[in-house]
Amino acid sequence: MLEITAQHSSSRGSFVATLEGQVIGRVDYVRLGTEAEPGTFDLIHTGVEPAHEGKGYGRQLVHAAAEWAEAQGHTLVASCPYAAKILERRSRAPRPE
């Protein structure tokens, strides 16, 4: 089963996907601005090991980052083209009421 864990520091971090104890992917981010208030975070890189590409793991990583940002009151942007595409689709998806 896929497990996604977060590794945060004050200015950067990542969400890491593991499958059966092996790291298979990650999405990395940096904080834009200061720590004093809810901030904006930029998803700068999304990567999945070649053997696991095309299985939706990258998408799950971006969604995990978006859910974390929303829960914390942060804004999320993406300079990573893949993450930007997933966030755009996410913003257009109907939300349950």
PDB file of N, CA and C in Angstrom:
ATOM      1  N   MET A   1       0.832  -1.172   0.000  1.00  0.00           N
ATOM      2  CA  MET A   1       0.000   0.000   0.000  1.00  0.00           C
ATOM      3  C   MET A   1       0.885   1.246   0.000  1.00  0.00           C
ATOM      4  N   LEU A   2       0.489   2.262  -0.753  1.00  0.00           N
ATOM      5  CA  LEU A   2       1.241   3.504  -0.849  1.00  0.00           C
ATOM      6  C   LEU A   2       1.101   4.292   0.444  1.00  0.00           C
ATOM      7  N   GLU A   3       2.223   4.788   0.939  1.00  0.00           N
ATOM      8  CA  GLU A   3       2.229   5.630   2.124  1.00  0.00           C
ATOM      9  C   GLU A   3       2.892   6.947   1.762  1.00  0.00           C
ATOM     10  N   ILE A   4       2.252   8.061   2.128  1.00  0.00           N
ATOM     11  CA  ILE A   4       2.816   9.382   1.866  1.00  0.00           C
ATOM     12  C   ILE A   4       3.089  10.046   3.203  1.00  0.00           C
ATOM     13  N   THR A   5       4.342  10.470   3.382  1.00  0.00           N
ATOM     14  CA  THR A   5       4.732  11.160   4.607  1.00  0.00           C
ATOM     15  C   THR A   5       5.262  12.542   4.249  1.00  0.00           C
ATOM     16  N   ALA A   6       5.116  13.450   5.201  1.00  0.00           N
ATOM     17  CA  ALA A   6       5.566  14.831   5.000  1.00  0.00           C
ATOM     18  C   ALA A   6       6.849  15.071   5.777  1.00  0.00           C
ATOM     19  N   GLN A   7       7.739  15.832   5.173  1.00  0.00           N
ATOM     20  CA  GLN A   7       8.985  16.249   5.815  1.00  0.00           C
ATOM     21  C   GLN A   7       9.061  17.762   5.675  1.00  0.00           C
ATOM     22  N   HIS A   8       8.751  18.494   6.768  1.00  0.00           N
ATOM     23  CA  HIS A   8       8.674  19.948   6.718  1.00  0.00           C
ATOM     24  C   HIS A   8       9.824  20.584   7.491  1.00  0.00           C
ATOM     25  N   SER A   9      10.308  21.702   6.989  1.00  0.00           N
ATOM     26  CA  SER A   9      11.178  22.586   7.757  1.00  0.00           C
ATOM     27  C   SER A   9      10.599  23.983   7.595  1.00  0.00           C
ATOM     28  N   SER A  10      11.261  24.980   8.102  1.00  0.00           N
ATOM     29  CA  SER A  10      10.692  26.327   8.069  1.00  0.00           C
ATOM     30  C   SER A  10      10.590  26.906   6.663  1.00  0.00           C
ATOM     31  N   SER A  11      11.482  26.534   5.767  1.00  0.00           N
ATOM     32  CA  SER A  11      11.481  27.164   4.446  1.00  0.00           C
ATOM     33  C   SER A  11      11.287  26.206   3.280  1.00  0.00           C
ATOM     34  N   ARG A  12      11.331  24.920   3.545  1.00  0.00           N
ATOM     35  CA  ARG A  12      11.177  23.940   2.456  1.00  0.00           C
ATOM     36  C   ARG A  12      10.719  22.605   3.022  1.00  0.00           C
ATOM     37  N   GLY A  13      10.366  21.718   2.125  1.00  0.00           N
ATOM     38  CA  GLY A  13       9.961  20.400   2.572  1.00  0.00           C
ATOM     39  C   GLY A  13       9.591  19.516   1.398  1.00  0.00           C
ATOM     40  N   SER A  14       9.043  18.372   1.723  1.00  0.00           N
ATOM     41  CA  SER A  14       8.644  17.433   0.680  1.00  0.00           C
ATOM     42  C   SER A  14       7.586  16.482   1.223  1.00  0.00           C
ATOM     43  N   PHE A  15       6.892  15.876   0.290  1.00  0.00           N
ATOM     44  CA  PHE A  15       5.991  14.782   0.569  1.00  0.00           C
ATOM     45  C   PHE A  15       6.596  13.587  -0.156  1.00  0.00           C
ATOM     46  N   VAL A  16       6.813  12.509   0.580  1.00  0.00           N
ATOM     47  CA  VAL A  16       7.530  11.350   0.059  1.00  0.00           C
ATOM     48  C   VAL A  16       6.599  10.148   0.018  1.00  0.00           C
ATOM     49  N   ALA A  17       6.591   9.466  -1.110  1.00  0.00           N
ATOM     50  CA  ALA A  17       5.767   8.265  -1.283  1.00  0.00           C
ATOM     51  C   ALA A  17       6.648   7.028  -1.139  1.00  0.00           C
ATOM     52  N   THR A  18       6.190   6.105  -0.308  1.00  0.00           N
ATOM     53  CA  THR A  18       6.870   4.826  -0.179  1.00  0.00           C
ATOM     54  C   THR A  18       5.881   3.702  -0.480  1.00  0.00           C
ATOM     55  N   LEU A  19       6.414   2.661  -1.053  1.00  0.00           N
ATOM     56  CA  LEU A  19       5.632   1.478  -1.377  1.00  0.00           C
ATOM     57  C   LEU A  19       6.449   0.275  -0.936  1.00  0.00           C
ATOM     58  N   GLU A  20       5.892  -0.502  -0.036  1.00  0.00           N
ATOM     59  CA  GLU A  20       6.589  -1.671   0.513  1.00  0.00           C
ATOM     60  C   GLU A  20       7.980  -1.299   1.035  1.00  0.00           C
ATOM     61  N   GLY A  21       8.060  -0.151   1.728  1.00  0.00           N
ATOM     62  CA  GLY A  21       9.311   0.277   2.350  1.00  0.00           C
ATOM     63  C   GLY A  21      10.303   0.971   1.440  1.00  0.00           C
ATOM     64  N   GLN A  22      10.003   1.092   0.157  1.00  0.00           N
ATOM     65  CA  GLN A  22      10.915   1.721  -0.799  1.00  0.00           C
ATOM     66  C   GLN A  22      10.369   3.087  -1.215  1.00  0.00           C
ATOM     67  N   VAL A  23      11.247   4.097  -1.213  1.00  0.00           N
ATOM     68  CA  VAL A  23      10.848   5.419  -1.696  1.00  0.00           C
ATOM     69  C   VAL A  23      10.660   5.331  -3.202  1.00  0.00           C
ATOM     70  N   ILE A  24       9.474   5.740  -3.665  1.00  0.00           N
ATOM     71  CA  ILE A  24       9.198   5.666  -5.105  1.00  0.00           C
ATOM     72  C   ILE A  24       8.907   7.022  -5.726  1.00  0.00           C
ATOM     73  N   GLY A  25       8.752   8.047  -4.892  1.00  0.00           N
ATOM     74  CA  GLY A  25       8.474   9.358  -5.461  1.00  0.00           C
ATOM     75  C   GLY A  25       8.443  10.434  -4.404  1.00  0.00           C
ATOM     76  N   ARG A  26       8.452  11.700  -4.889  1.00  0.00           N
ATOM     77  CA  ARG A  26       8.390  12.826  -3.969  1.00  0.00           C
ATOM     78  C   ARG A  26       7.947  14.076  -4.699  1.00  0.00           C
ATOM     79  N   VAL A  27       7.375  14.999  -3.937  1.00  0.00           N
ATOM     80  CA  VAL A  27       7.112  16.338  -4.432  1.00  0.00           C
ATOM     81  C   VAL A  27       7.790  17.278  -3.435  1.00  0.00           C
ATOM     82  N   ASP A  28       8.603  18.197  -3.950  1.00  0.00           N
ATOM     83  CA  ASP A  28       9.350  19.129  -3.117  1.00  0.00           C
ATOM     84  C   ASP A  28       8.755  20.518  -3.224  1.00  0.00           C
ATOM     85  N   TYR A  29       8.832  21.280  -2.133  1.00  0.00           N
ATOM     86  CA  TYR A  29       8.303  22.639  -2.126  1.00  0.00           C
ATOM     87  C   TYR A  29       9.243  23.588  -1.388  1.00  0.00           C
ATOM     88  N   VAL A  30       9.084  24.877  -1.657  1.00  0.00           N
ATOM     89  CA  VAL A  30       9.759  25.940  -0.913  1.00  0.00           C
ATOM     90  C   VAL A  30       8.714  26.952  -0.474  1.00  0.00           C
ATOM     91  N   ARG A  31       8.983  27.590   0.660  1.00  0.00           N
ATOM     92  CA  ARG A  31       8.101  28.649   1.165  1.00  0.00           C
ATOM     93  C   ARG A  31       8.481  29.953   0.476  1.00  0.00           C
ATOM     94  N   LEU A  32       7.468  30.685   0.033  1.00  0.00           N
ATOM     95  CA  LEU A  32       7.669  32.010  -0.524  1.00  0.00           C
ATOM     96  C   LEU A  32       7.225  32.997   0.549  1.00  0.00           C
ATOM     97  N   GLY A  33       8.079  33.879   0.981  1.00  0.00           N
ATOM     98  CA  GLY A  33       7.713  34.836   2.022  1.00  0.00           C
ATOM     99  C   GLY A  33       8.237  34.418   3.378  1.00  0.00           C
ATOM    100  N   THR A  34       7.569  34.913   4.444  1.00  0.00           N
ATOM    101  CA  THR A  34       8.042  34.705   5.811  1.00  0.00           C
ATOM    102  C   THR A  34       7.235  33.638   6.530  1.00  0.00           C
ATOM    103  N   GLU A  35       7.728  33.255   7.708  1.00  0.00           N
ATOM    104  CA  GLU A  35       7.060  32.251   8.530  1.00  0.00           C
ATOM    105  C   GLU A  35       5.983  32.841   9.420  1.00  0.00           C
ATOM    106  N   ALA A  36       5.895  34.159   9.508  1.00  0.00           N
ATOM    107  CA  ALA A  36       5.043  34.823  10.490  1.00  0.00           C
ATOM    108  C   ALA A  36       3.547  34.637  10.255  1.00  0.00           C
ATOM    109  N   GLU A  37       3.143  34.274   9.083  1.00  0.00           N
ATOM    110  CA  GLU A  37       1.720  34.151   8.764  1.00  0.00           C
ATOM    111  C   GLU A  37       1.522  32.982   7.817  1.00  0.00           C
ATOM    112  N   PRO A  38       0.258  32.571   7.613  1.00  0.00           N
ATOM    113  CA  PRO A  38       0.050  31.530   6.600  1.00  0.00           C
ATOM    114  C   PRO A  38       0.712  31.982   5.304  1.00  0.00           C
ATOM    115  N   GLY A  39       1.400  31.077   4.675  1.00  0.00           N
ATOM    116  CA  GLY A  39       2.220  31.475   3.546  1.00  0.00           C
ATOM    117  C   GLY A  39       1.816  30.882   2.227  1.00  0.00           C
ATOM    118  N   THR A  40       2.651  31.183   1.262  1.00  0.00           N
ATOM    119  CA  THR A  40       2.514  30.608  -0.064  1.00  0.00           C
ATOM    120  C   THR A  40       3.663  29.635  -0.258  1.00  0.00           C
ATOM    121  N   PHE A  41       3.344  28.466  -0.755  1.00  0.00           N
ATOM    122  CA  PHE A  41       4.338  27.433  -0.989  1.00  0.00           C
ATOM    123  C   PHE A  41       4.341  27.089  -2.470  1.00  0.00           C
ATOM    124  N   ASP A  42       5.541  26.915  -3.013  1.00  0.00           N
ATOM    125  CA  ASP A  42       5.729  26.613  -4.430  1.00  0.00           C
ATOM    126  C   ASP A  42       6.182  25.165  -4.583  1.00  0.00           C
ATOM    127  N   LEU A  43       5.387  24.372  -5.283  1.00  0.00           N
ATOM    128  CA  LEU A  43       5.792  22.998  -5.610  1.00  0.00           C
ATOM    129  C   LEU A  43       6.811  23.093  -6.736  1.00  0.00           C
ATOM    130  N   ILE A  44       8.054  22.752  -6.438  1.00  0.00           N
ATOM    131  CA  ILE A  44       9.142  22.975  -7.390  1.00  0.00           C
ATOM    132  C   ILE A  44       9.554  21.727  -8.172  1.00  0.00           C
ATOM    133  N   HIS A  45       9.204  20.553  -7.661  1.00  0.00           N
ATOM    134  CA  HIS A  45       9.604  19.326  -8.365  1.00  0.00           C
ATOM    135  C   HIS A  45       8.713  18.171  -7.936  1.00  0.00           C
ATOM    136  N   THR A  46       8.287  17.397  -8.904  1.00  0.00           N
ATOM    137  CA  THR A  46       7.560  16.151  -8.648  1.00  0.00           C
ATOM    138  C   THR A  46       8.285  15.058  -9.423  1.00  0.00           C
ATOM    139  N   GLY A  47       8.593  13.973  -8.753  1.00  0.00           N
ATOM    140  CA  GLY A  47       9.278  12.874  -9.427  1.00  0.00           C
ATOM    141  C   GLY A  47       8.835  11.529  -8.897  1.00  0.00           C
ATOM    142  N   VAL A  48       8.735  10.576  -9.805  1.00  0.00           N
ATOM    143  CA  VAL A  48       8.381   9.198  -9.461  1.00  0.00           C
ATOM    144  C   VAL A  48       9.382   8.298 -10.165  1.00  0.00           C
ATOM    145  N   GLU A  49       9.846   7.283  -9.461  1.00  0.00           N
ATOM    146  CA  GLU A  49      10.786   6.329 -10.053  1.00  0.00           C
ATOM    147  C   GLU A  49      10.194   5.743 -11.338  1.00  0.00           C
ATOM    148  N   PRO A  50      11.035   5.561 -12.371  1.00  0.00           N
ATOM    149  CA  PRO A  50      10.529   5.088 -13.667  1.00  0.00           C
ATOM    150  C   PRO A  50       9.674   3.825 -13.601  1.00  0.00           C
ATOM    151  N   ALA A  51      10.018   2.898 -12.735  1.00  0.00           N
ATOM    152  CA  ALA A  51       9.243   1.650 -12.640  1.00  0.00           C
ATOM    153  C   ALA A  51       7.829   1.880 -12.125  1.00  0.00           C
ATOM    154  N   HIS A  52       7.577   3.059 -11.550  1.00  0.00           N
ATOM    155  CA  HIS A  52       6.270   3.339 -10.955  1.00  0.00           C
ATOM    156  C   HIS A  52       5.536   4.475 -11.647  1.00  0.00           C
ATOM    157  N   GLU A  53       6.057   4.952 -12.758  1.00  0.00           N
ATOM    158  CA  GLU A  53       5.389   6.013 -13.505  1.00  0.00           C
ATOM    159  C   GLU A  53       4.088   5.500 -14.118  1.00  0.00           C
ATOM    160  N   GLY A  54       3.152   6.405 -14.303  1.00  0.00           N
ATOM    161  CA  GLY A  54       1.888   6.058 -14.949  1.00  0.00           C
ATOM    162  C   GLY A  54       0.885   5.360 -14.053  1.00  0.00           C
ATOM    163  N   LYS A  55       1.154   5.306 -12.760  1.00  0.00           N
ATOM    164  CA  LYS A  55       0.256   4.623 -11.829  1.00  0.00           C
ATOM    165  C   LYS A  55      -0.497   5.595 -10.926  1.00  0.00           C
ATOM    166  N   GLY A  56      -0.335   6.894 -11.161  1.00  0.00           N
ATOM    167  CA  GLY A  56      -1.058   7.895 -10.385  1.00  0.00           C
ATOM    168  C   GLY A  56      -0.378   8.324  -9.094  1.00  0.00           C
ATOM    169  N   TYR A  57       0.846   7.861  -8.860  1.00  0.00           N
ATOM    170  CA  TYR A  57       1.515   8.199  -7.605  1.00  0.00           C
ATOM    171  C   TYR A  57       1.916   9.672  -7.545  1.00  0.00           C
ATOM    172  N   GLY A  58       2.360  10.233  -8.650  1.00  0.00           N
ATOM    173  CA  GLY A  58       2.693  11.654  -8.685  1.00  0.00           C
ATOM    174  C   GLY A  58       1.473  12.506  -8.378  1.00  0.00           C
ATOM    175  N   ARG A  59       0.350  12.152  -8.963  1.00  0.00           N
ATOM    176  CA  ARG A  59      -0.907  12.857  -8.711  1.00  0.00           C
ATOM    177  C   ARG A  59      -1.281  12.781  -7.227  1.00  0.00           C
ATOM    178  N   GLN A  60      -1.122  11.608  -6.629  1.00  0.00           N
ATOM    179  CA  GLN A  60      -1.438  11.455  -5.212  1.00  0.00           C
ATOM    180  C   GLN A  60      -0.527  12.324  -4.338  1.00  0.00           C
ATOM    181  N   LEU A  61       0.728  12.454  -4.725  1.00  0.00           N
ATOM    182  CA  LEU A  61       1.649  13.312  -3.979  1.00  0.00           C
ATOM    183  C   LEU A  61       1.219  14.777  -4.042  1.00  0.00           C
ATOM    184  N   VAL A  62       0.855  15.247  -5.221  1.00  0.00           N
ATOM    185  CA  VAL A  62       0.414  16.638  -5.373  1.00  0.00           C
ATOM    186  C   VAL A  62      -0.871  16.867  -4.587  1.00  0.00           C
ATOM    187  N   HIS A  63      -1.792  15.924  -4.634  1.00  0.00           N
ATOM    188  CA  HIS A  63      -3.033  16.051  -3.864  1.00  0.00           C
ATOM    189  C   HIS A  63      -2.738  16.098  -2.357  1.00  0.00           C
ATOM    190  N   ALA A  64      -1.790  15.294  -1.896  1.00  0.00           N
ATOM    191  CA  ALA A  64      -1.441  15.312  -0.470  1.00  0.00           C
ATOM    192  C   ALA A  64      -0.897  16.687  -0.077  1.00  0.00           C
ATOM    193  N   ALA A  65      -0.056  17.264  -0.921  1.00  0.00           N
ATOM    194  CA  ALA A  65       0.479  18.606  -0.651  1.00  0.00           C
ATOM    195  C   ALA A  65      -0.648  19.634  -0.633  1.00  0.00           C
ATOM    196  N   ALA A  66      -1.576  19.534  -1.565  1.00  0.00           N
ATOM    197  CA  ALA A  66      -2.696  20.485  -1.638  1.00  0.00           C
ATOM    198  C   ALA A  66      -3.598  20.361  -0.409  1.00  0.00           C
ATOM    199  N   GLU A  67      -3.867  19.152   0.021  1.00  0.00           N
ATOM    200  CA  GLU A  67      -4.709  18.951   1.204  1.00  0.00           C
ATOM    201  C   GLU A  67      -4.032  19.519   2.448  1.00  0.00           C
ATOM    202  N   TRP A  68      -2.718  19.317   2.577  1.00  0.00           N
ATOM    203  CA  TRP A  68      -1.972  19.877   3.701  1.00  0.00           C
ATOM    204  C   TRP A  68      -2.041  21.404   3.676  1.00  0.00           C
ATOM    205  N   ALA A  69      -1.795  22.004   2.515  1.00  0.00           N
ATOM    206  CA  ALA A  69      -1.808  23.467   2.397  1.00  0.00           C
ATOM    207  C   ALA A  69      -3.186  24.022   2.761  1.00  0.00           C
ATOM    208  N   GLU A  70      -4.228  23.407   2.256  1.00  0.00           N
ATOM    209  CA  GLU A  70      -5.590  23.859   2.560  1.00  0.00           C
ATOM    210  C   GLU A  70      -5.879  23.764   4.051  1.00  0.00           C
ATOM    211  N   ALA A  71      -5.490  22.667   4.673  1.00  0.00           N
ATOM    212  CA  ALA A  71      -5.752  22.467   6.097  1.00  0.00           C
ATOM    213  C   ALA A  71      -5.008  23.491   6.960  1.00  0.00           C
ATOM    214  N   GLN A  72      -3.862  23.946   6.482  1.00  0.00           N
ATOM    215  CA  GLN A  72      -3.048  24.902   7.237  1.00  0.00           C
ATOM    216  C   GLN A  72      -3.369  26.353   6.892  1.00  0.00           C
ATOM    217  N   GLY A  73      -4.234  26.579   5.920  1.00  0.00           N
ATOM    218  CA  GLY A  73      -4.567  27.931   5.498  1.00  0.00           C
ATOM    219  C   GLY A  73      -3.530  28.554   4.585  1.00  0.00           C
ATOM    220  N   HIS A  74      -2.711  27.733   3.952  1.00  0.00           N
ATOM    221  CA  HIS A  74      -1.666  28.205   3.051  1.00  0.00           C
ATOM    222  C   HIS A  74      -2.173  28.263   1.609  1.00  0.00           C
ATOM    223  N   THR A  75      -1.458  28.998   0.796  1.00  0.00           N
ATOM    224  CA  THR A  75      -1.705  29.050  -0.642  1.00  0.00           C
ATOM    225  C   THR A  75      -0.642  28.193  -1.312  1.00  0.00           C
ATOM    226  N   LEU A  76      -1.035  27.481  -2.340  1.00  0.00           N
ATOM    227  CA  LEU A  76      -0.113  26.603  -3.051  1.00  0.00           C
ATOM    228  C   LEU A  76      -0.037  27.023  -4.507  1.00  0.00           C
ATOM    229  N   VAL A  77       1.177  27.181  -5.011  1.00  0.00           N
ATOM    230  CA  VAL A  77       1.423  27.437  -6.425  1.00  0.00           C
ATOM    231  C   VAL A  77       2.402  26.374  -6.902  1.00  0.00           C
ATOM    232  N   ALA A  78       2.608  26.298  -8.208  1.00  0.00           N
ATOM    233  CA  ALA A  78       3.509  25.265  -8.724  1.00  0.00           C
ATOM    234  C   ALA A  78       4.335  25.791  -9.883  1.00  0.00           C
ATOM    235  N   SER A  79       5.647  25.805  -9.695  1.00  0.00           N
ATOM    236  CA  SER A  79       6.531  26.071 -10.828  1.00  0.00           C
ATOM    237  C   SER A  79       6.873  24.771 -11.551  1.00  0.00           C
ATOM    238  N   CYS A  80       6.608  23.640 -10.906  1.00  0.00           N
ATOM    239  CA  CYS A  80       6.748  22.333 -11.549  1.00  0.00           C
ATOM    240  C   CYS A  80       5.578  22.160 -12.519  1.00  0.00           C
ATOM    241  N   PRO A  81       5.846  21.962 -13.802  1.00  0.00           N
ATOM    242  CA  PRO A  81       4.753  21.848 -14.785  1.00  0.00           C
ATOM    243  C   PRO A  81       3.764  20.723 -14.476  1.00  0.00           C
ATOM    244  N   TYR A  82       4.256  19.587 -14.017  1.00  0.00           N
ATOM    245  CA  TYR A  82       3.357  18.475 -13.703  1.00  0.00           C
ATOM    246  C   TYR A  82       2.432  18.858 -12.549  1.00  0.00           C
ATOM    247  N   ALA A  83       2.994  19.397 -11.471  1.00  0.00           N
ATOM    248  CA  ALA A  83       2.180  19.789 -10.322  1.00  0.00           C
ATOM    249  C   ALA A  83       1.186  20.879 -10.704  1.00  0.00           C
ATOM    250  N   ALA A  84       1.604  21.814 -11.563  1.00  0.00           N
ATOM    251  CA  ALA A  84       0.699  22.883 -12.001  1.00  0.00           C
ATOM    252  C   ALA A  84      -0.511  22.299 -12.723  1.00  0.00           C
ATOM    253  N   LYS A  85      -0.274  21.292 -13.559  1.00  0.00           N
ATOM    254  CA  LYS A  85      -1.365  20.649 -14.293  1.00  0.00           C
ATOM    255  C   LYS A  85      -2.340  19.963 -13.329  1.00  0.00           C
ATOM    256  N   ILE A  86      -1.818  19.283 -12.335  1.00  0.00           N
ATOM    257  CA  ILE A  86      -2.676  18.594 -11.365  1.00  0.00           C
ATOM    258  C   ILE A  86      -3.454  19.607 -10.534  1.00  0.00           C
ATOM    259  N   LEU A  87      -2.812  20.689 -10.108  1.00  0.00           N
ATOM    260  CA  LEU A  87      -3.519  21.711  -9.325  1.00  0.00           C
ATOM    261  C   LEU A  87      -4.607  22.379 -10.149  1.00  0.00           C
ATOM    262  N   GLU A  88      -4.347  22.596 -11.433  1.00  0.00           N
ATOM    263  CA  GLU A  88      -5.364  23.199 -12.302  1.00  0.00           C
ATOM    264  C   GLU A  88      -6.581  22.276 -12.413  1.00  0.00           C
ATOM    265  N   ARG A  89      -6.345  20.998 -12.617  1.00  0.00           N
ATOM    266  CA  ARG A  89      -7.457  20.038 -12.676  1.00  0.00           C
ATOM    267  C   ARG A  89      -8.208  19.992 -11.353  1.00  0.00           C
ATOM    268  N   ARG A  90      -7.461  20.052 -10.262  1.00  0.00           N
ATOM    269  CA  ARG A  90      -8.057  20.000  -8.930  1.00  0.00           C
ATOM    270  C   ARG A  90      -8.974  21.212  -8.717  1.00  0.00           C
ATOM    271  N   SER A  91      -8.550  22.383  -9.181  1.00  0.00           N
ATOM    272  CA  SER A  91      -9.345  23.589  -8.978  1.00  0.00           C
ATOM    273  C   SER A  91     -10.648  23.556  -9.780  1.00  0.00           C
ATOM    274  N   ARG A  92     -10.662  22.801 -10.876  1.00  0.00           N
ATOM    275  CA  ARG A  92     -11.871  22.702 -11.709  1.00  0.00           C
ATOM    276  C   ARG A  92     -12.802  21.585 -11.267  1.00  0.00           C
ATOM    277  N   ALA A  93     -12.313  20.680 -10.433  1.00  0.00           N
ATOM    278  CA  ALA A  93     -13.123  19.527 -10.012  1.00  0.00           C
ATOM    279  C   ALA A  93     -14.230  19.965  -9.072  1.00  0.00           C
ATOM    280  N   PRO A  94     -15.421  19.406  -9.220  1.00  0.00           N
ATOM    281  CA  PRO A  94     -16.507  19.732  -8.289  1.00  0.00           C
ATOM    282  C   PRO A  94     -16.132  19.287  -6.873  1.00  0.00           C
ATOM    283  N   ARG A  95     -16.490  20.088  -5.906  1.00  0.00           N
ATOM    284  CA  ARG A  95     -16.211  19.784  -4.503  1.00  0.00           C
ATOM    285  C   ARG A  95     -17.484  19.277  -3.830  1.00  0.00           C
ATOM    286  N   PRO A  96     -17.357  18.255  -2.984  1.00  0.00           N
ATOM    287  CA  PRO A  96     -18.540  17.799  -2.238  1.00  0.00           C
ATOM    288  C   PRO A  96     -19.003  18.893  -1.272  1.00  0.00           C
ATOM    289  N   GLU A  97     -20.290  18.994  -1.098  1.00  0.00           N
ATOM    290  CA  GLU A  97     -20.839  20.047  -0.213  1.00  0.00           C
ATOM    291  C   GLU A  97     -21.045  19.549   1.178  1.00  0.00           C
TER     292      GLU A  97
END
